[in-house]
Structures are given as C-alpha cells and as structure tokens.
Amino acid sequence: MSLIDISDAGYNEFNDLLEANEIEPKVVRLALAGFGCSGPRFGLMVDEATDNDYVEVLKDVTFIVSKDLYDEYQGFVILSDEENFGGGMSLRPRKIDDASGCSTCATGCAV
C-alpha cells in the first residue's frame, strides 16, 4: 500500500516548500479541507500520527493520512508545477467519486 505518488521533481518542489516555511520535522498530514464545485479539496498541516492513521516516509518527509480518508480516496498524487502544466503544485486523490462537486455552477466559482 502506498499513500502518496510523487515524482522526484514533485518531491523536490514539495521539500523546498517545507524548507522555505521552516517546517521541521518534516511531518505533514494530508486532510480534507472541504468541498467545492470541482469536488473535494485537500490541505496539509503539521501534525502527529495516531492509531487511526497510515504513515508513509518518503526520503525525509513523513506523510500522515487518516485511515478513513485513505479508504475513501485510495491515496494521493502530488504533482510538481511542471507536471501540473504550470498550474502550481497539486495534491489530488487517486480515486474520486464522479458525483462529487456540482453538475452546474450558477455562482461562477473558480475551479
């Protein structure tokens, strides 16, 4: 089981972000941050693992994901700015429910 898919370029960019923000130790939780028109949004926070989490260490970064979140989304993909076609770094679930988000958006929200 792998929690995170990340290329070397993605890892380097992510690690640079942690270092620029002086995050030490490099232990981050991937968490659900809410829902928008395009579906679930995810965020990162500095945290400690519990018995309800899965933990994966990649090089010198430790990723934490709750077991429930992993079960729902089957892990995550972190893309570098280049891999995301210049759209900045991206954190995406491996699996997403096609019914999430809005089918139409009359409010003009950003995706």
PDB file of N, CA and C in Angstrom:
ATOM      1  N   MET A   1       0.845  -1.178   0.000  1.00  0.00           N
ATOM      2  CA  MET A   1       0.000   0.000   0.000  1.00  0.00           C
ATOM      3  C   MET A   1       0.890   1.242   0.000  1.00  0.00           C
ATOM      4  N   SER A   2       0.604   2.137  -0.880  1.00  0.00           N
ATOM      5  CA  SER A   2       1.318   3.404  -0.960  1.00  0.00           C
ATOM      6  C   SER A   2       0.317   4.532  -0.746  1.00  0.00           C
ATOM      7  N   LEU A   3       0.641   5.437   0.153  1.00  0.00           N
ATOM      8  CA  LEU A   3      -0.242   6.568   0.412  1.00  0.00           C
ATOM      9  C   LEU A   3      -0.094   7.661  -0.630  1.00  0.00           C
ATOM     10  N   ILE A   4       1.154   7.863  -1.081  1.00  0.00           N
ATOM     11  CA  ILE A   4       1.493   9.017  -1.905  1.00  0.00           C
ATOM     12  C   ILE A   4       2.218   8.581  -3.166  1.00  0.00           C
ATOM     13  N   ASP A   5       1.783   9.108  -4.307  1.00  0.00           N
ATOM     14  CA  ASP A   5       2.542   9.002  -5.555  1.00  0.00           C
ATOM     15  C   ASP A   5       3.152  10.378  -5.792  1.00  0.00           C
ATOM     16  N   ILE A   6       4.469  10.405  -5.927  1.00  0.00           N
ATOM     17  CA  ILE A   6       5.148  11.682  -6.154  1.00  0.00           C
ATOM     18  C   ILE A   6       6.435  11.408  -6.926  1.00  0.00           C
ATOM     19  N   SER A   7       6.674  12.195  -7.964  1.00  0.00           N
ATOM     20  CA  SER A   7       7.892  12.059  -8.756  1.00  0.00           C
ATOM     21  C   SER A   7       9.052  12.734  -8.032  1.00  0.00           C
ATOM     22  N   ASP A   8      10.255  12.544  -8.528  1.00  0.00           N
ATOM     23  CA  ASP A   8      11.409  13.228  -7.946  1.00  0.00           C
ATOM     24  C   ASP A   8      11.246  14.744  -8.041  1.00  0.00           C
ATOM     25  N   ALA A   9      10.747  15.232  -9.187  1.00  0.00           N
ATOM     26  CA  ALA A   9      10.533  16.676  -9.353  1.00  0.00           C
ATOM     27  C   ALA A   9       9.491  17.176  -8.358  1.00  0.00           C
ATOM     28  N   GLY A  10       8.418  16.415  -8.187  1.00  0.00           N
ATOM     29  CA  GLY A  10       7.381  16.789  -7.227  1.00  0.00           C
ATOM     30  C   GLY A  10       7.910  16.781  -5.807  1.00  0.00           C
ATOM     31  N   TYR A  11       8.692  15.749  -5.474  1.00  0.00           N
ATOM     32  CA  TYR A  11       9.267  15.661  -4.138  1.00  0.00           C
ATOM     33  C   TYR A  11      10.181  16.858  -3.865  1.00  0.00           C
ATOM     34  N   ASN A  12      11.050  17.170  -4.816  1.00  0.00           N
ATOM     35  CA  ASN A  12      11.987  18.277  -4.626  1.00  0.00           C
ATOM     36  C   ASN A  12      11.249  19.594  -4.415  1.00  0.00           C
ATOM     37  N   GLU A  13      10.203  19.828  -5.196  1.00  0.00           N
ATOM     38  CA  GLU A  13       9.430  21.063  -5.064  1.00  0.00           C
ATOM     39  C   GLU A  13       8.695  21.090  -3.717  1.00  0.00           C
ATOM     40  N   PHE A  14       8.126  19.951  -3.329  1.00  0.00           N
ATOM     41  CA  PHE A  14       7.415  19.855  -2.052  1.00  0.00           C
ATOM     42  C   PHE A  14       8.391  20.062  -0.890  1.00  0.00           C
ATOM     43  N   ASN A  15       9.536  19.421  -0.952  1.00  0.00           N
ATOM     44  CA  ASN A  15      10.558  19.569   0.087  1.00  0.00           C
ATOM     45  C   ASN A  15      11.032  21.017   0.176  1.00  0.00           C
ATOM     46  N   ASP A  16      11.222  21.673  -0.969  1.00  0.00           N
ATOM     47  CA  ASP A  16      11.621  23.088  -0.977  1.00  0.00           C
ATOM     48  C   ASP A  16      10.565  23.945  -0.280  1.00  0.00           C
ATOM     49  N   LEU A  17       9.280  23.621  -0.502  1.00  0.00           N
ATOM     50  CA  LEU A  17       8.189  24.352   0.138  1.00  0.00           C
ATOM     51  C   LEU A  17       8.258  24.198   1.661  1.00  0.00           C
ATOM     52  N   LEU A  18       8.491  22.977   2.125  1.00  0.00           N
ATOM     53  CA  LEU A  18       8.612  22.746   3.563  1.00  0.00           C
ATOM     54  C   LEU A  18       9.797  23.508   4.136  1.00  0.00           C
ATOM     55  N   GLU A  19      10.923  23.476   3.453  1.00  0.00           N
ATOM     56  CA  GLU A  19      12.117  24.175   3.933  1.00  0.00           C
ATOM     57  C   GLU A  19      11.920  25.687   3.927  1.00  0.00           C
ATOM     58  N   ALA A  20      11.273  26.214   2.898  1.00  0.00           N
ATOM     59  CA  ALA A  20      11.031  27.656   2.824  1.00  0.00           C
ATOM     60  C   ALA A  20      10.135  28.131   3.966  1.00  0.00           C
ATOM     61  N   ASN A  21       9.272  27.249   4.444  1.00  0.00           N
ATOM     62  CA  ASN A  21       8.373  27.585   5.545  1.00  0.00           C
ATOM     63  C   ASN A  21       8.887  27.089   6.894  1.00  0.00           C
ATOM     64  N   GLU A  22      10.147  26.638   6.894  1.00  0.00           N
ATOM     65  CA  GLU A  22      10.841  26.185   8.107  1.00  0.00           C
ATOM     66  C   GLU A  22      10.043  25.129   8.864  1.00  0.00           C
ATOM     67  N   ILE A  23       9.493  24.154   8.137  1.00  0.00           N
ATOM     68  CA  ILE A  23       8.755  23.049   8.725  1.00  0.00           C
ATOM     69  C   ILE A  23       9.749  21.970   9.129  1.00  0.00           C
ATOM     70  N   GLU A  24       9.934  21.791  10.410  1.00  0.00           N
ATOM     71  CA  GLU A  24      10.822  20.766  10.976  1.00  0.00           C
ATOM     72  C   GLU A  24      10.184  20.227  12.237  1.00  0.00           C
ATOM     73  N   PRO A  25      10.092  18.977  12.433  1.00  0.00           N
ATOM     74  CA  PRO A  25      10.444  17.931  11.475  1.00  0.00           C
ATOM     75  C   PRO A  25       9.449  17.941  10.316  1.00  0.00           C
ATOM     76  N   LYS A  26       9.840  17.328   9.237  1.00  0.00           N
ATOM     77  CA  LYS A  26       9.023  17.322   8.025  1.00  0.00           C
ATOM     78  C   LYS A  26       7.977  16.215   8.130  1.00  0.00           C
ATOM     79  N   VAL A  27       6.966  16.488   8.942  1.00  0.00           N
ATOM     80  CA  VAL A  27       5.859  15.555   9.165  1.00  0.00           C
ATOM     81  C   VAL A  27       4.585  16.312   8.829  1.00  0.00           C
ATOM     82  N   VAL A  28       3.867  15.851   7.790  1.00  0.00           N
ATOM     83  CA  VAL A  28       2.664  16.563   7.349  1.00  0.00           C
ATOM     84  C   VAL A  28       1.488  15.604   7.199  1.00  0.00           C
ATOM     85  N   ARG A  29       0.330  16.107   7.573  1.00  0.00           N
ATOM     86  CA  ARG A  29      -0.913  15.366   7.421  1.00  0.00           C
ATOM     87  C   ARG A  29      -1.641  15.875   6.184  1.00  0.00           C
ATOM     88  N   LEU A  30      -2.116  14.950   5.361  1.00  0.00           N
ATOM     89  CA  LEU A  30      -2.990  15.276   4.250  1.00  0.00           C
ATOM     90  C   LEU A  30      -4.405  15.157   4.783  1.00  0.00           C
ATOM     91  N   ALA A  31      -5.198  16.207   4.605  1.00  0.00           N
ATOM     92  CA  ALA A  31      -6.520  16.248   5.218  1.00  0.00           C
ATOM     93  C   ALA A  31      -7.543  16.822   4.248  1.00  0.00           C
ATOM     94  N   LEU A  32      -8.780  16.455   4.456  1.00  0.00           N
ATOM     95  CA  LEU A  32      -9.886  17.011   3.699  1.00  0.00           C
ATOM     96  C   LEU A  32     -10.111  18.434   4.181  1.00  0.00           C
ATOM     97  N   ALA A  33     -10.116  19.398   3.254  1.00  0.00           N
ATOM     98  CA  ALA A  33     -10.266  20.798   3.620  1.00  0.00           C
ATOM     99  C   ALA A  33     -11.640  21.338   3.262  1.00  0.00           C
ATOM    100  N   GLY A  34     -12.482  20.511   2.662  1.00  0.00           N
ATOM    101  CA  GLY A  34     -13.829  20.953   2.289  1.00  0.00           C
ATOM    102  C   GLY A  34     -14.165  20.514   0.884  1.00  0.00           C
ATOM    103  N   PHE A  35     -15.275  21.040   0.383  1.00  0.00           N
ATOM    104  CA  PHE A  35     -15.748  20.682  -0.950  1.00  0.00           C
ATOM    105  C   PHE A  35     -16.021  21.946  -1.740  1.00  0.00           C
ATOM    106  N   GLY A  36     -15.744  21.898  -3.035  1.00  0.00           N
ATOM    107  CA  GLY A  36     -16.027  22.998  -3.934  1.00  0.00           C
ATOM    108  C   GLY A  36     -16.741  22.479  -5.162  1.00  0.00           C
ATOM    109  N   CYS A  37     -16.890  23.319  -6.150  1.00  0.00           N
ATOM    110  CA  CYS A  37     -17.586  22.934  -7.375  1.00  0.00           C
ATOM    111  C   CYS A  37     -16.927  21.755  -8.078  1.00  0.00           C
ATOM    112  N   SER A  38     -15.620  21.639  -7.951  1.00  0.00           N
ATOM    113  CA  SER A  38     -14.919  20.548  -8.631  1.00  0.00           C
ATOM    114  C   SER A  38     -14.711  19.337  -7.730  1.00  0.00           C
ATOM    115  N   GLY A  39     -15.351  19.328  -6.561  1.00  0.00           N
ATOM    116  CA  GLY A  39     -15.244  18.181  -5.667  1.00  0.00           C
ATOM    117  C   GLY A  39     -14.456  18.490  -4.417  1.00  0.00           C
ATOM    118  N   PRO A  40     -13.867  17.458  -3.817  1.00  0.00           N
ATOM    119  CA  PRO A  40     -13.162  17.657  -2.547  1.00  0.00           C
ATOM    120  C   PRO A  40     -11.883  18.462  -2.721  1.00  0.00           C
ATOM    121  N   ARG A  41     -11.565  19.202  -1.676  1.00  0.00           N
ATOM    122  CA  ARG A  41     -10.309  19.956  -1.619  1.00  0.00           C
ATOM    123  C   ARG A  41      -9.503  19.393  -0.454  1.00  0.00           C
ATOM    124  N   PHE A  42      -8.202  19.336  -0.651  1.00  0.00           N
ATOM    125  CA  PHE A  42      -7.333  18.758   0.358  1.00  0.00           C
ATOM    126  C   PHE A  42      -6.285  19.771   0.777  1.00  0.00           C
ATOM    127  N   GLY A  43      -5.827  19.644   1.992  1.00  0.00           N
ATOM    128  CA  GLY A  43      -4.814  20.534   2.509  1.00  0.00           C
ATOM    129  C   GLY A  43      -3.783  19.768   3.301  1.00  0.00           C
ATOM    130  N   LEU A  44      -2.788  20.485   3.753  1.00  0.00           N
ATOM    131  CA  LEU A  44      -1.685  19.920   4.525  1.00  0.00           C
ATOM    132  C   LEU A  44      -1.595  20.637   5.849  1.00  0.00           C
ATOM    133  N   MET A  45      -1.228  19.899   6.883  1.00  0.00           N
ATOM    134  CA  MET A  45      -0.988  20.523   8.175  1.00  0.00           C
ATOM    135  C   MET A  45       0.105  19.761   8.905  1.00  0.00           C
ATOM    136  N   VAL A  46       0.796  20.444   9.770  1.00  0.00           N
ATOM    137  CA  VAL A  46       1.795  19.810  10.612  1.00  0.00           C
ATOM    138  C   VAL A  46       1.025  19.105  11.729  1.00  0.00           C
ATOM    139  N   ASP A  47       1.331  17.840  11.955  1.00  0.00           N
ATOM    140  CA  ASP A  47       0.560  17.070  12.918  1.00  0.00           C
ATOM    141  C   ASP A  47       1.354  15.844  13.341  1.00  0.00           C
ATOM    142  N   GLU A  48       0.795  15.086  14.252  1.00  0.00           N
ATOM    143  CA  GLU A  48       1.380  13.826  14.679  1.00  0.00           C
ATOM    144  C   GLU A  48       0.424  12.694  14.348  1.00  0.00           C
ATOM    145  N   ALA A  49       0.959  11.528  14.072  1.00  0.00           N
ATOM    146  CA  ALA A  49       0.152  10.357  13.733  1.00  0.00           C
ATOM    147  C   ALA A  49      -0.542   9.802  14.968  1.00  0.00           C
ATOM    148  N   THR A  50      -1.698   9.188  14.740  1.00  0.00           N
ATOM    149  CA  THR A  50      -2.449   8.491  15.787  1.00  0.00           C
ATOM    150  C   THR A  50      -2.659   7.046  15.328  1.00  0.00           C
ATOM    151  N   ASP A  51      -3.328   6.280  16.141  1.00  0.00           N
ATOM    152  CA  ASP A  51      -3.635   4.892  15.787  1.00  0.00           C
ATOM    153  C   ASP A  51      -4.625   4.808  14.624  1.00  0.00           C
ATOM    154  N   ASN A  52      -5.297   5.907  14.320  1.00  0.00           N
ATOM    155  CA  ASN A  52      -6.283   5.929  13.229  1.00  0.00           C
ATOM    156  C   ASN A  52      -5.681   6.392  11.913  1.00  0.00           C
ATOM    157  N   ASP A  53      -4.354   6.403  11.811  1.00  0.00           N
ATOM    158  CA  ASP A  53      -3.669   6.922  10.629  1.00  0.00           C
ATOM    159  C   ASP A  53      -2.789   5.873   9.973  1.00  0.00           C
ATOM    160  N   TYR A  54      -2.546   6.110   8.691  1.00  0.00           N
ATOM    161  CA  TYR A  54      -1.476   5.424   7.978  1.00  0.00           C
ATOM    162  C   TYR A  54      -0.329   6.419   7.856  1.00  0.00           C
ATOM    163  N   VAL A  55       0.881   5.922   7.897  1.00  0.00           N
ATOM    164  CA  VAL A  55       2.072   6.777   7.824  1.00  0.00           C
ATOM    165  C   VAL A  55       2.992   6.220   6.750  1.00  0.00           C
ATOM    166  N   GLU A  56       3.524   7.120   5.927  1.00  0.00           N
ATOM    167  CA  GLU A  56       4.499   6.732   4.908  1.00  0.00           C
ATOM    168  C   GLU A  56       5.641   7.733   4.914  1.00  0.00           C
ATOM    169  N   VAL A  57       6.858   7.219   4.951  1.00  0.00           N
ATOM    170  CA  VAL A  57       8.049   8.065   4.910  1.00  0.00           C
ATOM    171  C   VAL A  57       8.651   7.962   3.516  1.00  0.00           C
ATOM    172  N   LEU A  58       8.778   9.113   2.882  1.00  0.00           N
ATOM    173  CA  LEU A  58       9.419   9.199   1.570  1.00  0.00           C
ATOM    174  C   LEU A  58      10.625  10.112   1.713  1.00  0.00           C
ATOM    175  N   LYS A  59      11.794   9.515   1.569  1.00  0.00           N
ATOM    176  CA  LYS A  59      13.061  10.223   1.793  1.00  0.00           C
ATOM    177  C   LYS A  59      13.039  10.809   3.192  1.00  0.00           C
ATOM    178  N   ASP A  60      13.011  12.142   3.339  1.00  0.00           N
ATOM    179  CA  ASP A  60      12.996  12.707   4.690  1.00  0.00           C
ATOM    180  C   ASP A  60      11.699  13.441   5.021  1.00  0.00           C
ATOM    181  N   VAL A  61      10.622  13.097   4.310  1.00  0.00           N
ATOM    182  CA  VAL A  61       9.304  13.663   4.604  1.00  0.00           C
ATOM    183  C   VAL A  61       8.377  12.530   5.036  1.00  0.00           C
ATOM    184  N   THR A  62       7.689  12.748   6.151  1.00  0.00           N
ATOM    185  CA  THR A  62       6.724  11.779   6.651  1.00  0.00           C
ATOM    186  C   THR A  62       5.326  12.291   6.352  1.00  0.00           C
ATOM    187  N   PHE A  63       4.537  11.467   5.655  1.00  0.00           N
ATOM    188  CA  PHE A  63       3.162  11.807   5.311  1.00  0.00           C
ATOM    189  C   PHE A  63       2.217  11.009   6.197  1.00  0.00           C
ATOM    190  N   ILE A  64       1.175  11.677   6.682  1.00  0.00           N
ATOM    191  CA  ILE A  64       0.152  11.053   7.515  1.00  0.00           C
ATOM    192  C   ILE A  64      -1.187  11.211   6.802  1.00  0.00           C
ATOM    193  N   VAL A  65      -1.951  10.120   6.739  1.00  0.00           N
ATOM    194  CA  VAL A  65      -3.301  10.153   6.166  1.00  0.00           C
ATOM    195  C   VAL A  65      -4.194   9.321   7.076  1.00  0.00           C
ATOM    196  N   SER A  66      -5.353   9.855   7.434  1.00  0.00           N
ATOM    197  CA  SER A  66      -6.264   9.066   8.258  1.00  0.00           C
ATOM    198  C   SER A  66      -6.703   7.836   7.464  1.00  0.00           C
ATOM    199  N   LYS A  67      -6.934   6.755   8.162  1.00  0.00           N
ATOM    200  CA  LYS A  67      -7.353   5.516   7.509  1.00  0.00           C
ATOM    201  C   LYS A  67      -8.663   5.712   6.765  1.00  0.00           C
ATOM    202  N   ASP A  68      -9.595   6.474   7.326  1.00  0.00           N
ATOM    203  CA  ASP A  68     -10.873   6.732   6.666  1.00  0.00           C
ATOM    204  C   ASP A  68     -10.678   7.496   5.357  1.00  0.00           C
ATOM    205  N   LEU A  69      -9.816   8.499   5.374  1.00  0.00           N
ATOM    206  CA  LEU A  69      -9.567   9.292   4.166  1.00  0.00           C
ATOM    207  C   LEU A  69      -8.888   8.435   3.104  1.00  0.00           C
ATOM    208  N   TYR A  70      -7.935   7.608   3.524  1.00  0.00           N
ATOM    209  CA  TYR A  70      -7.280   6.707   2.573  1.00  0.00           C
ATOM    210  C   TYR A  70      -8.299   5.739   1.973  1.00  0.00           C
ATOM    211  N   ASP A  71      -9.142   5.154   2.804  1.00  0.00           N
ATOM    212  CA  ASP A  71     -10.136   4.199   2.311  1.00  0.00           C
ATOM    213  C   ASP A  71     -11.071   4.842   1.285  1.00  0.00           C
ATOM    214  N   GLU A  72     -11.412   6.100   1.500  1.00  0.00           N
ATOM    215  CA  GLU A  72     -12.329   6.785   0.585  1.00  0.00           C
ATOM    216  C   GLU A  72     -11.663   7.183  -0.729  1.00  0.00           C
ATOM    217  N   TYR A  73     -10.408   7.642  -0.675  1.00  0.00           N
ATOM    218  CA  TYR A  73      -9.755   8.190  -1.872  1.00  0.00           C
ATOM    219  C   TYR A  73      -8.598   7.355  -2.395  1.00  0.00           C
ATOM    220  N   GLN A  74      -8.255   6.268  -1.725  1.00  0.00           N
ATOM    221  CA  GLN A  74      -7.213   5.330  -2.166  1.00  0.00           C
ATOM    222  C   GLN A  74      -5.833   5.960  -2.311  1.00  0.00           C
ATOM    223  N   GLY A  75      -5.551   6.983  -1.534  1.00  0.00           N
ATOM    224  CA  GLY A  75      -4.247   7.618  -1.568  1.00  0.00           C
ATOM    225  C   GLY A  75      -4.263   8.892  -2.390  1.00  0.00           C
ATOM    226  N   PHE A  76      -3.072   9.480  -2.554  1.00  0.00           N
ATOM    227  CA  PHE A  76      -2.966  10.799  -3.173  1.00  0.00           C
ATOM    228  C   PHE A  76      -1.799  10.891  -4.138  1.00  0.00           C
ATOM    229  N   VAL A  77      -1.897  11.870  -5.024  1.00  0.00           N
ATOM    230  CA  VAL A  77      -0.852  12.165  -6.006  1.00  0.00           C
ATOM    231  C   VAL A  77      -0.449  13.620  -5.801  1.00  0.00           C
ATOM    232  N   ILE A  78       0.848  13.848  -5.678  1.00  0.00           N
ATOM    233  CA  ILE A  78       1.367  15.211  -5.601  1.00  0.00           C
ATOM    234  C   ILE A  78       2.100  15.490  -6.903  1.00  0.00           C
ATOM    235  N   LEU A  79       1.667  16.547  -7.594  1.00  0.00           N
ATOM    236  CA  LEU A  79       2.269  16.925  -8.871  1.00  0.00           C
ATOM    237  C   LEU A  79       3.081  18.201  -8.702  1.00  0.00           C
ATOM    238  N   SER A  80       4.224  18.246  -9.364  1.00  0.00           N
ATOM    239  CA  SER A  80       5.023  19.476  -9.385  1.00  0.00           C
ATOM    240  C   SER A  80       4.322  20.500 -10.274  1.00  0.00           C
ATOM    241  N   ASP A  81       4.788  21.731 -10.219  1.00  0.00           N
ATOM    242  CA  ASP A  81       4.249  22.785 -11.086  1.00  0.00           C
ATOM    243  C   ASP A  81       4.326  22.367 -12.551  1.00  0.00           C
ATOM    244  N   GLU A  82       5.454  21.819 -12.953  1.00  0.00           N
ATOM    245  CA  GLU A  82       5.627  21.404 -14.353  1.00  0.00           C
ATOM    246  C   GLU A  82       4.672  20.261 -14.718  1.00  0.00           C
ATOM    247  N   GLU A  83       4.543  19.284 -13.838  1.00  0.00           N
ATOM    248  CA  GLU A  83       3.637  18.159 -14.091  1.00  0.00           C
ATOM    249  C   GLU A  83       2.177  18.613 -14.120  1.00  0.00           C
ATOM    250  N   ASN A  84       1.891  19.726 -13.458  1.00  0.00           N
ATOM    251  CA  ASN A  84       0.547  20.293 -13.422  1.00  0.00           C
ATOM    252  C   ASN A  84       0.397  21.384 -14.488  1.00  0.00           C
ATOM    253  N   PHE A  85       1.244  21.343 -15.505  1.00  0.00           N
ATOM    254  CA  PHE A  85       1.197  22.235 -16.661  1.00  0.00           C
ATOM    255  C   PHE A  85       1.241  23.711 -16.281  1.00  0.00           C
ATOM    256  N   GLY A  86       2.108  24.027 -15.291  1.00  0.00           N
ATOM    257  CA  GLY A  86       2.294  25.413 -14.883  1.00  0.00           C
ATOM    258  C   GLY A  86       1.219  25.926 -13.944  1.00  0.00           C
ATOM    259  N   GLY A  87       0.381  25.051 -13.440  1.00  0.00           N
ATOM    260  CA  GLY A  87      -0.704  25.462 -12.551  1.00  0.00           C
ATOM    261  C   GLY A  87      -0.343  25.418 -11.080  1.00  0.00           C
ATOM    262  N   GLY A  88       0.952  25.300 -10.762  1.00  0.00           N
ATOM    263  CA  GLY A  88       1.377  25.197  -9.374  1.00  0.00           C
ATOM    264  C   GLY A  88       1.352  23.757  -8.904  1.00  0.00           C
ATOM    265  N   MET A  89       1.893  23.529  -7.728  1.00  0.00           N
ATOM    266  CA  MET A  89       1.855  22.178  -7.166  1.00  0.00           C
ATOM    267  C   MET A  89       0.409  21.780  -6.950  1.00  0.00           C
ATOM    268  N   SER A  90       0.165  20.474  -7.021  1.00  0.00           N
ATOM    269  CA  SER A  90      -1.194  19.986  -6.895  1.00  0.00           C
ATOM    270  C   SER A  90      -1.227  18.746  -6.013  1.00  0.00           C
ATOM    271  N   LEU A  91      -2.240  18.655  -5.177  1.00  0.00           N
ATOM    272  CA  LEU A  91      -2.495  17.489  -4.335  1.00  0.00           C
ATOM    273  C   LEU A  91      -3.861  16.953  -4.741  1.00  0.00           C
ATOM    274  N   ARG A  92      -3.870  15.732  -5.274  1.00  0.00           N
ATOM    275  CA  ARG A  92      -5.115  15.151  -5.793  1.00  0.00           C
ATOM    276  C   ARG A  92      -5.311  13.751  -5.240  1.00  0.00           C
ATOM    277  N   PRO A  93      -6.567  13.345  -5.095  1.00  0.00           N
ATOM    278  CA  PRO A  93      -6.823  11.960  -4.688  1.00  0.00           C
ATOM    279  C   PRO A  93      -6.628  11.026  -5.872  1.00  0.00           C
ATOM    280  N   ARG A  94      -6.288   9.774  -5.590  1.00  0.00           N
ATOM    281  CA  ARG A  94      -6.195   8.771  -6.662  1.00  0.00           C
ATOM    282  C   ARG A  94      -7.574   8.423  -7.201  1.00  0.00           C
ATOM    283  N   LYS A  95      -8.545   8.344  -6.313  1.00  0.00           N
ATOM    284  CA  LYS A  95      -9.906   7.960  -6.686  1.00  0.00           C
ATOM    285  C   LYS A  95     -10.844   9.082  -6.261  1.00  0.00           C
ATOM    286  N   ILE A  96     -11.754   9.413  -7.139  1.00  0.00           N
ATOM    287  CA  ILE A  96     -12.716  10.444  -6.788  1.00  0.00           C
ATOM    288  C   ILE A  96     -14.093  10.003  -7.241  1.00  0.00           C
ATOM    289  N   ASP A  97     -15.080  10.296  -6.442  1.00  0.00           N
ATOM    290  CA  ASP A  97     -16.465   9.978  -6.763  1.00  0.00           C
ATOM    291  C   ASP A  97     -16.923  10.914  -7.869  1.00  0.00           C
ATOM    292  N   ASP A  98     -17.371  10.348  -8.987  1.00  0.00           N
ATOM    293  CA  ASP A  98     -17.821  11.163 -10.119  1.00  0.00           C
ATOM    294  C   ASP A  98     -19.000  12.055  -9.765  1.00  0.00           C
ATOM    295  N   ALA A  99     -19.720  11.735  -8.695  1.00  0.00           N
ATOM    296  CA  ALA A  99     -20.883  12.516  -8.304  1.00  0.00           C
ATOM    297  C   ALA A  99     -20.517  13.687  -7.403  1.00  0.00           C
ATOM    298  N   SER A 100     -19.239  13.809  -7.005  1.00  0.00           N
ATOM    299  CA  SER A 100     -18.874  14.910  -6.118  1.00  0.00           C
ATOM    300  C   SER A 100     -18.813  16.207  -6.892  1.00  0.00           C
ATOM    301  N   GLY A 101     -18.979  17.301  -6.193  1.00  0.00           N
ATOM    302  CA  GLY A 101     -18.981  18.611  -6.828  1.00  0.00           C
ATOM    303  C   GLY A 101     -20.330  18.904  -7.426  1.00  0.00           C
ATOM    304  N   CYS A 102     -20.419  19.998  -8.125  1.00  0.00           N
ATOM    305  CA  CYS A 102     -21.689  20.431  -8.715  1.00  0.00           C
ATOM    306  C   CYS A 102     -21.756  20.010 -10.170  1.00  0.00           C
ATOM    307  N   SER A 103     -22.947  19.722 -10.646  1.00  0.00           N
ATOM    308  CA  SER A 103     -23.087  19.428 -12.061  1.00  0.00           C
ATOM    309  C   SER A 103     -23.156  20.715 -12.852  1.00  0.00           C
ATOM    310  N   THR A 104     -23.634  21.769 -12.231  1.00  0.00           N
ATOM    311  CA  THR A 104     -23.632  23.097 -12.833  1.00  0.00           C
ATOM    312  C   THR A 104     -23.224  24.081 -11.759  1.00  0.00           C
ATOM    313  N   CYS A 105     -22.758  25.212 -12.181  1.00  0.00           N
ATOM    314  CA  CYS A 105     -22.311  26.183 -11.184  1.00  0.00           C
ATOM    315  C   CYS A 105     -22.805  27.550 -11.592  1.00  0.00           C
ATOM    316  N   ALA A 106     -23.931  27.942 -11.080  1.00  0.00           N
ATOM    317  CA  ALA A 106     -24.507  29.236 -11.392  1.00  0.00           C
ATOM    318  C   ALA A 106     -23.800  30.377 -10.674  1.00  0.00           C
ATOM    319  N   THR A 107     -22.981  30.045  -9.673  1.00  0.00           N
ATOM    320  CA  THR A 107     -22.334  31.109  -8.900  1.00  0.00           C
ATOM    321  C   THR A 107     -21.008  31.545  -9.495  1.00  0.00           C
ATOM    322  N   GLY A 108     -20.517  30.851 -10.533  1.00  0.00           N
ATOM    323  CA  GLY A 108     -19.274  31.255 -11.172  1.00  0.00           C
ATOM    324  C   GLY A 108     -18.039  31.006 -10.326  1.00  0.00           C
ATOM    325  N   CYS A 109     -18.079  29.984  -9.484  1.00  0.00           N
ATOM    326  CA  CYS A 109     -16.938  29.724  -8.611  1.00  0.00           C
ATOM    327  C   CYS A 109     -15.726  29.272  -9.413  1.00  0.00           C
ATOM    328  N   ALA A 110     -14.553  29.556  -8.883  1.00  0.00           N
ATOM    329  CA  ALA A 110     -13.303  29.168  -9.540  1.00  0.00           C
ATOM    330  C   ALA A 110     -13.049  27.695  -9.312  1.00  0.00           C
ATOM    331  N   VAL A 111     -12.474  27.044 -10.290  1.00  0.00           N
ATOM    332  CA  VAL A 111     -12.162  25.617 -10.188  1.00  0.00           C
ATOM    333  C   VAL A 111     -10.682  25.444  -9.991  1.00  0.00           C
TER     334      VAL A 111
END
